[in-house]
Amino acid sequence: MAGGINFSGLASGIDTAALIQATSDSTRQARVTPHQKKVTELEETNTAIDELSNKLDLLKTSLKQFTTLNGGGVSKSGSSSKESVLAATVSNSAVNGAYSVTVNSLAKNHTFSFDTTFGALSDPIEAALTGAEAAVDRTVSFTIGSGAEQESVDVEVADGSYSVSDFVAAFNAASAKAQASVVNTGSAGSPAYKIVITSNYEGTEKGAIVRTGSGAALLGMASYSEDAAADASVSISGIGTVTRATNTVSDVIPGVTLTLASQGSSTVRVTEDADATVSKVQDFVDSYNEIVKFISDNNVVTRDETKKEVTNTFGPLSGTRVDDNVLSSLRSALSSAVASGGSAARIFADLGITTQRDGSLAFDSTKLRSAIAAEPTSVSQILSSFADTAATTGGTIDLYTRYNGLLDLSVTNNKDAIASLNERIQEAERQIQRQEEAMRARYARLESVMSRLQQQQSSLTSALSGLGK
């Protein structure tokens, strides 16, 4: 093949491979290398934009804690005077105050057990069954729950070989709201197994179990014991007595979740939690400053002077404006966050959050604590105003980080440019290859001509030498 021919050291003595390589290198330096450099720059830019997007998502997560949807900007704490009766957790939306709570009764699920005992799990439910009996007389039926939540379960005992294990397996296969099991009420040496059915849910609506039908009589399962399902009953000062299906009550006192543990009385108190608020604000400030530093570090242009040659190295984000637009949008949201009715706390500076010369935020936690003590509502309004603008769906950060958002579009545009550059590189390489093949062909012709001339010269020299004799 032509691409593998090397004529070095033949008729011309010219190192044609070196000449062809030097020509290709020169062409490649002019037509390929600049495109390759640009591809690398765009790929580095896309990597930096992806990292910026991740940092913005972290900032968004930290700010969501202050949104109106989350209850506002100031954290609250809840306490119970008697944790053995109930525990209290609160959200930012909880209203400060003290609530007297009495747990009258706890919610519980239903436990239903047949009185008949068996010596082994393989024992038949009723050995005398032939299977010829009416199906209704060989079927034990249950309803679990009530109304829209009701479930019906039928277990048909086939014949005298149908075992305790078969019954339990059939029930569990048919029910999504209760679980059958076998409990040994005797001893290891003298077992007495009972079939026990337990509802999966507390409260009467989902958890009540009722045995129905007439089949239990023939099967010796008419007698049973039960601990019925019950709803929780709670009395709250100023509200009254309420019942709930579970021992977690979250829809009575706004922003407060009560986890009931036992009967009794307790006082639940809700207050501002300055420590938690300071911690969350510090997280937000740290996330914001990380973005400022990242953008600054990746926007740097360094100048390298070596003798007469000057080289500028551009940071991955120095060729795009999208990062600067991010900061501009966030700063605008910060400056727009105002507590309209505040006096001691109206803007972020009153919360101890100020902008430094490098664009990062400084945070004085002592000043924030004072503002919370003086005007917690104003503090909450400032923080939630900024968070609602910056961190909600369709907000400032979302405009940049969402699918087909501004960052995504920048990355897509860069990928399109990379694809176009790679096509140019491929075309340039094809042209260089064609140039190499043409040069090899020309040098091959040159070598052929010079070889013939050298042969003619040799013949003439021999002929002239013969004439002189």
Protein backbone atom coordinates (compact mmCIF):
# COMPACT_ATOMS: atom_id res chain seq x y z
CA MET A 1 0.00 0.00 0.00
CA ALA A 2 1.14 3.55 -0.74
CA GLY A 3 0.82 4.62 2.91
CA GLY A 4 3.48 2.06 3.92
CA ILE A 5 6.15 3.02 1.29
CA ASN A 6 9.30 4.70 2.58
CA PHE A 7 11.79 5.85 -0.07
CA SER A 8 14.50 7.09 2.32
CA GLY A 9 18.03 6.21 1.14
CA LEU A 10 17.06 5.26 -2.44
CA ALA A 11 17.88 7.23 -5.58
CA SER A 12 17.45 10.74 -4.15
CA GLY A 13 18.81 10.08 -0.70
CA ILE A 14 15.99 12.25 0.63
CA ASP A 15 14.22 11.20 3.88
CA THR A 16 10.76 11.47 2.30
CA ALA A 17 8.97 9.98 5.36
CA ALA A 18 10.39 12.75 7.53
CA LEU A 19 9.43 15.42 4.99
CA ILE A 20 5.86 14.08 4.72
CA GLN A 21 5.54 13.85 8.52
CA ALA A 22 6.87 17.38 8.96
CA THR A 23 4.40 18.72 6.40
CA SER A 24 1.50 16.88 8.05
CA ASP A 25 2.55 18.11 11.50
CA SER A 26 2.68 21.67 10.24
CA THR A 27 -0.74 21.38 8.64
CA ARG A 28 -2.16 19.70 11.71
CA GLN A 29 -0.75 22.42 13.95
CA ALA A 30 -2.52 25.06 11.87
CA ARG A 31 -5.81 23.30 11.14
CA VAL A 32 -6.37 20.64 13.85
CA THR A 33 -4.67 21.70 17.07
CA PRO A 34 -6.69 24.95 17.52
CA HIS A 35 -9.94 22.97 17.20
CA GLN A 36 -8.71 20.32 19.62
CA LYS A 37 -7.76 23.01 22.11
CA LYS A 38 -11.21 24.57 21.79
CA VAL A 39 -12.88 21.16 22.30
CA THR A 40 -10.88 20.66 25.51
CA GLU A 41 -11.85 24.13 26.74
CA LEU A 42 -15.54 23.52 26.05
CA GLU A 43 -15.45 20.11 27.76
CA GLU A 44 -13.81 21.70 30.82
CA THR A 45 -16.46 24.42 30.77
CA ASN A 46 -19.24 21.83 30.72
CA THR A 47 -17.64 19.97 33.63
CA ALA A 48 -17.45 23.21 35.61
CA ILE A 49 -21.08 24.05 34.77
CA ASP A 50 -22.20 20.61 35.96
CA GLU A 51 -20.32 21.14 39.23
CA LEU A 52 -21.85 24.60 39.58
CA SER A 53 -25.30 23.05 39.10
CA ASN A 54 -24.59 20.56 41.91
CA LYS A 55 -23.53 23.38 44.23
CA LEU A 56 -26.68 25.32 43.38
CA ASP A 57 -28.77 22.25 44.24
CA LEU A 58 -27.06 22.12 47.65
CA LEU A 59 -27.86 25.79 48.19
CA LYS A 60 -31.45 25.13 47.14
CA THR A 61 -31.73 22.30 49.66
CA SER A 62 -30.42 24.48 52.49
CA LEU A 63 -32.83 27.31 51.58
CA LYS A 64 -35.91 25.07 51.40
CA GLN A 65 -35.79 24.91 55.19
CA PHE A 66 -36.85 28.59 55.26
CA THR A 67 -39.67 28.54 52.67
CA THR A 68 -43.22 29.51 53.50
CA LEU A 69 -44.26 25.98 52.55
CA ASN A 70 -41.92 24.70 55.29
CA GLY A 71 -43.44 27.06 57.83
CA GLY A 72 -41.14 30.07 57.57
CA GLY A 73 -37.58 31.03 58.34
CA VAL A 74 -37.34 30.59 62.12
CA SER A 75 -37.05 27.08 63.52
CA LYS A 76 -39.27 26.02 66.40
CA SER A 77 -38.72 23.52 69.18
CA GLY A 78 -41.33 21.45 70.95
CA SER A 79 -41.12 19.77 74.33
CA SER A 80 -43.31 17.48 76.39
CA SER A 81 -43.36 17.73 80.17
CA LYS A 82 -43.88 13.96 80.36
CA GLU A 83 -42.13 12.03 77.60
CA SER A 84 -43.49 8.75 78.98
CA VAL A 85 -46.99 9.94 77.98
CA LEU A 86 -46.21 11.59 74.65
CA ALA A 87 -43.45 13.15 72.59
CA ALA A 88 -43.86 16.34 70.55
CA THR A 89 -42.11 17.38 67.35
CA VAL A 90 -42.79 20.68 65.64
CA SER A 91 -42.30 22.38 62.28
CA ASN A 92 -41.47 26.03 61.64
CA SER A 93 -45.19 26.75 61.22
CA ALA A 94 -46.04 25.86 64.83
CA VAL A 95 -47.43 28.71 66.93
CA ASN A 96 -45.68 29.50 70.19
CA GLY A 97 -47.62 28.48 73.27
CA ALA A 98 -48.36 25.81 75.87
CA TYR A 99 -50.92 23.06 75.30
CA SER A 100 -52.32 20.74 77.98
CA VAL A 101 -52.78 17.30 76.48
CA THR A 102 -54.44 14.28 78.08
CA VAL A 103 -54.12 10.85 76.43
CA ASN A 104 -57.36 9.07 77.30
CA SER A 105 -56.59 5.90 75.36
CA LEU A 106 -54.11 4.62 72.79
CA ALA A 107 -54.87 3.32 69.35
CA LYS A 108 -54.22 -0.38 68.90
CA ASN A 109 -54.71 -3.08 66.30
CA HIS A 110 -56.91 -6.16 66.65
CA THR A 111 -55.63 -9.52 67.85
CA PHE A 112 -57.88 -12.52 67.23
CA SER A 113 -57.01 -16.07 68.34
CA PHE A 114 -58.92 -19.36 68.12
CA ASP A 115 -59.21 -21.28 71.39
CA THR A 116 -58.55 -24.64 69.70
CA THR A 117 -54.96 -25.83 70.17
CA PHE A 118 -52.86 -28.24 68.09
CA GLY A 119 -49.90 -30.39 69.00
CA ALA A 120 -48.03 -29.77 65.74
CA LEU A 121 -48.14 -27.41 62.78
CA SER A 122 -48.83 -30.38 60.54
CA ASP A 123 -51.93 -31.38 62.51
CA PRO A 124 -55.16 -31.23 60.50
CA ILE A 125 -57.70 -28.52 61.24
CA GLU A 126 -60.42 -31.18 61.31
CA ALA A 127 -59.37 -34.77 60.57
CA ALA A 128 -62.98 -35.96 60.17
CA LEU A 129 -63.57 -33.87 57.04
CA THR A 130 -64.05 -35.84 53.86
CA GLY A 131 -64.20 -32.90 51.45
CA ALA A 132 -67.73 -33.84 50.43
CA GLU A 133 -69.25 -31.37 52.89
CA ALA A 134 -70.68 -28.12 51.56
CA ALA A 135 -67.93 -25.58 50.89
CA VAL A 136 -69.67 -22.99 53.07
CA ASP A 137 -69.41 -25.37 56.04
CA ARG A 138 -65.68 -25.86 55.44
CA THR A 139 -64.92 -22.12 55.11
CA VAL A 140 -63.87 -19.68 57.83
CA SER A 141 -64.52 -16.07 56.81
CA PHE A 142 -63.30 -12.74 58.16
CA THR A 143 -63.84 -9.04 57.49
CA ILE A 144 -60.98 -6.72 58.30
CA GLY A 145 -61.60 -2.98 58.58
CA SER A 146 -64.81 -1.23 57.64
CA GLY A 147 -66.38 0.90 54.93
CA ALA A 148 -64.07 1.69 52.03
CA GLU A 149 -61.20 0.10 53.97
CA GLN A 150 -62.96 -3.26 54.45
CA GLU A 151 -61.35 -6.47 53.26
CA SER A 152 -62.98 -9.91 53.13
CA VAL A 153 -60.92 -13.07 53.58
CA ASP A 154 -62.21 -16.64 53.11
CA VAL A 155 -60.16 -19.72 54.02
CA GLU A 156 -61.66 -22.98 52.73
CA VAL A 157 -60.46 -26.13 54.52
CA ALA A 158 -60.28 -28.74 51.76
CA ASP A 159 -60.47 -32.01 53.68
CA GLY A 160 -59.09 -33.91 56.66
CA SER A 161 -55.51 -33.47 55.51
CA TYR A 162 -55.67 -29.65 55.54
CA SER A 163 -53.15 -28.63 58.24
CA VAL A 164 -52.60 -25.70 60.57
CA SER A 165 -49.72 -24.54 58.33
CA ASP A 166 -52.01 -24.71 55.28
CA PHE A 167 -54.57 -22.51 57.03
CA VAL A 168 -52.01 -19.86 57.99
CA ALA A 169 -50.48 -19.80 54.50
CA ALA A 170 -53.89 -19.50 52.83
CA PHE A 171 -54.93 -16.61 55.07
CA ASN A 172 -51.69 -14.67 54.50
CA ALA A 173 -51.97 -15.16 50.75
CA ALA A 174 -55.50 -13.74 50.77
CA SER A 175 -55.05 -10.76 53.12
CA ALA A 176 -53.22 -7.43 52.79
CA LYS A 177 -54.57 -5.98 56.04
CA ALA A 178 -53.86 -8.75 58.57
CA GLN A 179 -51.32 -11.45 59.29
CA ALA A 180 -51.91 -15.00 60.55
CA SER A 181 -49.32 -16.78 62.67
CA VAL A 182 -49.01 -19.73 65.04
CA VAL A 183 -48.18 -19.22 68.73
CA ASN A 184 -47.12 -21.99 71.10
CA THR A 185 -49.13 -21.46 74.29
CA GLY A 186 -47.74 -24.66 75.79
CA SER A 187 -44.10 -25.66 76.29
CA ALA A 188 -41.32 -26.94 74.07
CA GLY A 189 -41.91 -30.50 75.30
CA SER A 190 -45.69 -30.27 75.19
CA PRO A 191 -46.64 -27.69 72.57
CA ALA A 192 -50.14 -26.24 72.26
CA TYR A 193 -50.30 -24.20 69.07
CA LYS A 194 -52.97 -21.55 68.51
CA ILE A 195 -53.77 -19.76 65.26
CA VAL A 196 -53.52 -16.01 65.89
CA ILE A 197 -54.62 -13.29 63.47
CA THR A 198 -53.36 -9.73 63.96
CA SER A 199 -54.43 -6.70 61.93
CA ASN A 200 -51.67 -4.68 60.34
CA TYR A 201 -53.23 -1.33 61.20
CA GLU A 202 -54.20 0.45 64.39
CA GLY A 203 -57.70 1.88 64.81
CA THR A 204 -61.14 0.56 64.07
CA GLU A 205 -61.47 1.72 60.47
CA LYS A 206 -58.60 -0.37 59.13
CA GLY A 207 -57.78 -2.68 62.04
CA ALA A 208 -61.01 -4.28 63.30
CA ILE A 209 -61.36 -8.04 62.66
CA VAL A 210 -64.72 -9.82 62.61
CA ARG A 211 -65.16 -13.56 62.03
CA THR A 212 -68.19 -14.20 59.82
CA GLY A 213 -70.03 -17.16 58.29
CA SER A 214 -71.04 -20.51 59.77
CA GLY A 215 -68.10 -22.67 58.73
CA ALA A 216 -66.19 -22.37 62.00
CA ALA A 217 -68.64 -24.61 63.86
CA LEU A 218 -67.93 -27.71 61.77
CA LEU A 219 -64.19 -27.02 61.96
CA GLY A 220 -64.09 -26.70 65.73
CA MET A 221 -63.09 -23.02 65.41
CA ALA A 222 -66.26 -21.42 66.78
CA SER A 223 -64.66 -20.44 70.09
CA TYR A 224 -62.12 -17.62 70.07
CA SER A 225 -60.59 -14.83 72.12
CA GLU A 226 -59.81 -11.30 70.97
CA ASP A 227 -58.30 -7.97 71.94
CA ALA A 228 -60.32 -5.54 69.83
CA ALA A 229 -58.91 -2.68 67.78
CA ALA A 230 -59.33 0.81 69.23
CA ASP A 231 -58.82 4.42 68.24
CA ALA A 232 -56.67 6.87 70.16
CA SER A 233 -58.54 9.45 72.24
CA VAL A 234 -56.81 12.73 73.13
CA SER A 235 -58.12 15.78 74.97
CA ILE A 236 -56.37 19.09 74.23
CA SER A 237 -56.96 22.33 76.08
CA GLY A 238 -58.90 24.83 74.00
CA ILE A 239 -59.65 22.22 71.34
CA GLY A 240 -61.52 19.38 73.01
CA THR A 241 -61.40 15.61 72.64
CA VAL A 242 -60.46 14.03 69.32
CA THR A 243 -60.07 10.44 68.19
CA ARG A 244 -57.55 9.21 65.64
CA ALA A 245 -56.80 5.80 64.16
CA THR A 246 -53.10 5.91 65.05
CA ASN A 247 -50.94 7.04 67.95
CA THR A 248 -49.37 9.74 65.79
CA VAL A 249 -51.54 12.86 65.84
CA SER A 250 -50.36 15.58 63.45
CA ASP A 251 -53.52 17.34 62.31
CA VAL A 252 -54.89 18.91 65.48
CA ILE A 253 -52.35 21.46 66.77
CA PRO A 254 -50.98 23.29 63.69
CA GLY A 255 -47.35 22.42 63.07
CA VAL A 256 -47.19 19.99 66.01
CA THR A 257 -46.99 16.19 65.82
CA LEU A 258 -47.85 14.23 68.95
CA THR A 259 -46.57 10.67 69.34
CA LEU A 260 -48.65 8.98 72.02
CA ALA A 261 -47.00 6.46 74.35
CA SER A 262 -49.32 5.88 77.30
CA GLN A 263 -52.37 7.20 79.11
CA GLY A 264 -51.79 10.34 81.14
CA SER A 265 -51.36 14.10 80.88
CA SER A 266 -48.52 16.28 79.61
CA THR A 267 -47.88 19.91 78.72
CA VAL A 268 -46.54 20.60 75.24
CA ARG A 269 -44.59 23.84 74.78
CA VAL A 270 -43.61 25.47 71.47
CA THR A 271 -40.90 28.14 71.35
CA GLU A 272 -38.39 29.62 68.88
CA ASP A 273 -35.25 27.55 68.45
CA ALA A 274 -32.47 30.07 67.93
CA ASP A 275 -29.72 27.42 67.89
CA ALA A 276 -31.39 25.45 65.10
CA THR A 277 -32.06 28.62 63.12
CA VAL A 278 -28.44 29.77 63.43
CA SER A 279 -27.22 26.35 62.30
CA LYS A 280 -29.48 26.38 59.23
CA VAL A 281 -28.49 29.93 58.32
CA GLN A 282 -24.83 28.96 58.63
CA ASP A 283 -25.44 26.08 56.21
CA PHE A 284 -27.04 28.49 53.75
CA VAL A 285 -24.17 31.00 54.06
CA ASP A 286 -21.56 28.25 53.62
CA SER A 287 -23.32 26.90 50.51
CA TYR A 288 -23.62 30.40 49.05
CA ASN A 289 -19.95 31.19 49.71
CA GLU A 290 -18.89 27.89 48.16
CA ILE A 291 -20.60 28.96 44.94
CA VAL A 292 -18.94 32.40 45.03
CA LYS A 293 -15.50 30.83 45.54
CA PHE A 294 -16.04 28.20 42.86
CA ILE A 295 -17.05 30.80 40.28
CA SER A 296 -14.14 33.04 41.23
CA ASP A 297 -11.59 30.20 41.04
CA ASN A 298 -12.87 29.06 37.64
CA ASN A 299 -12.99 32.55 36.14
CA VAL A 300 -9.29 33.26 36.62
CA VAL A 301 -7.14 34.13 33.59
CA THR A 302 -3.42 33.55 34.23
CA ARG A 303 -0.66 35.17 32.16
CA ASP A 304 2.59 33.28 31.61
CA GLU A 305 5.50 35.23 30.09
CA THR A 306 8.46 33.15 28.92
CA LYS A 307 11.05 35.38 27.28
CA LYS A 308 9.20 36.98 24.36
CA GLU A 309 6.30 34.50 24.38
CA VAL A 310 3.15 35.34 26.32
CA THR A 311 0.57 32.63 27.09
CA ASN A 312 -2.84 33.28 28.64
CA THR A 313 -4.56 30.38 30.41
CA PHE A 314 -8.30 30.82 30.79
CA GLY A 315 -10.34 29.27 33.61
CA PRO A 316 -13.17 26.88 32.60
CA LEU A 317 -15.87 29.50 33.27
CA SER A 318 -14.04 32.52 31.87
CA GLY A 319 -15.59 32.02 28.44
CA THR A 320 -19.22 32.04 29.60
CA ARG A 321 -21.51 34.55 31.27
CA VAL A 322 -23.94 32.05 32.76
CA ASP A 323 -22.01 31.82 36.05
CA ASP A 324 -21.96 35.60 36.45
CA ASN A 325 -25.68 35.66 35.74
CA VAL A 326 -26.21 33.09 38.52
CA LEU A 327 -24.50 35.32 41.07
CA SER A 328 -26.29 38.40 39.82
CA SER A 329 -29.66 36.68 40.19
CA LEU A 330 -28.89 35.44 43.70
CA ARG A 331 -27.64 38.86 44.83
CA SER A 332 -30.78 40.46 43.45
CA ALA A 333 -32.93 37.99 45.44
CA LEU A 334 -30.89 38.71 48.58
CA SER A 335 -31.31 42.46 48.31
CA SER A 336 -35.03 42.13 47.59
CA ALA A 337 -35.77 40.13 50.75
CA VAL A 338 -37.40 42.60 53.16
CA ALA A 339 -39.63 42.35 56.21
CA SER A 340 -42.31 44.92 55.44
CA GLY A 341 -43.46 45.44 59.02
CA GLY A 342 -40.10 45.08 60.73
CA SER A 343 -38.30 47.74 62.73
CA ALA A 344 -35.40 45.95 64.42
CA ALA A 345 -35.18 43.45 61.54
CA ARG A 346 -35.96 44.59 58.00
CA ILE A 347 -33.12 43.35 55.75
CA PHE A 348 -30.43 40.66 55.79
CA ALA A 349 -27.89 43.02 57.37
CA ASP A 350 -30.16 43.20 60.42
CA LEU A 351 -29.78 39.41 60.71
CA GLY A 352 -25.99 39.68 60.71
CA ILE A 353 -25.66 38.65 57.05
CA THR A 354 -23.63 41.10 54.95
CA THR A 355 -21.83 41.01 51.59
CA GLN A 356 -18.03 41.24 51.62
CA ARG A 357 -15.80 42.80 48.96
CA ASP A 358 -15.17 39.45 47.27
CA GLY A 359 -18.92 38.83 46.96
CA SER A 360 -19.11 36.23 49.73
CA LEU A 361 -21.37 36.56 52.75
CA ALA A 362 -20.26 37.28 56.32
CA PHE A 363 -22.45 35.97 59.13
CA ASP A 364 -22.69 37.31 62.70
CA SER A 365 -24.69 34.70 64.62
CA THR A 366 -24.93 36.91 67.71
CA LYS A 367 -26.80 39.53 65.69
CA LEU A 368 -29.20 36.89 64.34
CA ARG A 369 -29.94 35.63 67.86
CA SER A 370 -30.74 39.17 68.96
CA ALA A 371 -33.03 39.68 65.98
CA ILE A 372 -34.89 36.42 66.73
CA ALA A 373 -35.38 37.50 70.34
CA ALA A 374 -36.64 40.94 69.28
CA GLU A 375 -38.68 40.25 66.14
CA PRO A 376 -38.95 36.56 65.26
CA THR A 377 -41.76 37.20 62.78
CA SER A 378 -39.64 39.72 60.84
CA VAL A 379 -36.65 37.35 60.83
CA SER A 380 -38.86 34.58 59.50
CA GLN A 381 -40.28 36.87 56.80
CA ILE A 382 -36.83 37.93 55.55
CA LEU A 383 -35.52 34.37 55.34
CA SER A 384 -38.68 32.92 53.82
CA SER A 385 -38.93 35.77 51.29
CA PHE A 386 -35.46 35.00 49.98
CA ALA A 387 -36.03 31.22 50.09
CA ASP A 388 -39.39 31.49 48.28
CA THR A 389 -37.75 33.55 45.53
CA ALA A 390 -34.59 31.46 45.19
CA ALA A 391 -35.41 27.87 46.14
CA THR A 392 -38.98 27.02 45.13
CA THR A 393 -40.05 25.41 41.87
CA GLY A 394 -39.74 28.05 39.17
CA GLY A 395 -37.54 30.16 41.45
CA THR A 396 -34.13 31.69 40.76
CA ILE A 397 -32.09 28.51 41.23
CA ASP A 398 -34.61 26.32 39.44
CA LEU A 399 -34.39 28.53 36.34
CA TYR A 400 -30.73 27.57 36.07
CA THR A 401 -30.63 23.95 37.30
CA ARG A 402 -33.85 22.36 36.02
CA TYR A 403 -34.04 20.22 32.89
CA ASN A 404 -33.54 22.51 29.89
CA GLY A 405 -32.76 25.34 32.30
CA LEU A 406 -30.15 28.00 31.61
CA LEU A 407 -27.21 25.82 32.70
CA ASP A 408 -28.52 22.86 30.72
CA LEU A 409 -28.87 25.05 27.63
CA SER A 410 -25.28 26.30 28.01
CA VAL A 411 -24.02 22.72 28.23
CA THR A 412 -26.11 21.72 25.20
CA ASN A 413 -24.78 24.65 23.15
CA ASN A 414 -21.24 23.69 24.08
CA LYS A 415 -21.87 20.08 23.10
CA ASP A 416 -23.19 21.22 19.73
CA ALA A 417 -20.05 23.34 19.25
CA ILE A 418 -17.88 20.36 20.25
CA ALA A 419 -19.65 18.14 17.70
CA SER A 420 -19.09 20.75 14.98
CA LEU A 421 -15.42 21.12 15.89
CA ASN A 422 -14.92 17.36 15.88
CA GLU A 423 -16.37 17.22 12.36
CA ARG A 424 -13.89 19.89 11.28
CA ILE A 425 -11.07 17.95 12.91
CA GLN A 426 -12.10 14.77 11.11
CA GLU A 427 -12.31 16.58 7.76
CA ALA A 428 -8.90 18.18 8.34
CA GLU A 429 -7.42 14.77 9.16
CA ARG A 430 -8.93 13.34 5.97
CA GLN A 431 -7.35 16.19 3.97
CA ILE A 432 -4.00 15.63 5.68
CA GLN A 433 -4.23 11.94 4.79
CA ARG A 434 -4.99 12.81 1.15
CA GLN A 435 -2.08 15.28 1.20
CA GLU A 436 0.24 12.56 2.51
CA GLU A 437 -0.88 10.12 -0.18
CA ALA A 438 -0.33 12.75 -2.90
CA MET A 439 3.14 13.56 -1.56
CA ARG A 440 4.06 9.89 -1.42
CA ALA A 441 2.95 9.50 -5.04
CA ARG A 442 5.03 12.54 -6.14
CA TYR A 443 8.09 11.33 -4.28
CA ALA A 444 7.61 7.86 -5.77
CA ARG A 445 7.62 9.39 -9.27
CA LEU A 446 10.67 11.49 -8.35
CA GLU A 447 12.54 8.44 -7.13
CA SER A 448 11.58 6.55 -10.28
CA VAL A 449 12.86 9.35 -12.54
CA MET A 450 16.07 9.75 -10.56
CA SER A 451 16.62 6.02 -10.60
CA ARG A 452 16.35 5.94 -14.41
CA LEU A 453 18.66 8.94 -14.73
CA GLN A 454 21.18 7.28 -12.47
CA GLN A 455 21.01 4.12 -14.61
CA GLN A 456 21.47 6.18 -17.78
CA GLN A 457 24.40 7.98 -16.18
CA SER A 458 25.95 4.68 -15.27
CA SER A 459 25.50 3.40 -18.83
CA LEU A 460 27.00 6.57 -20.34
CA THR A 461 29.92 6.41 -17.96
CA SER A 462 30.60 2.83 -18.97
CA ALA A 463 30.31 3.69 -22.65
CA LEU A 464 32.60 6.68 -22.40
CA SER A 465 35.06 4.65 -20.47
CA GLY A 466 35.14 2.08 -23.32
CA LEU A 467 35.82 4.76 -25.94
CA GLY A 468 38.97 5.83 -24.19
CA LYS A 469 40.68 2.47 -24.59
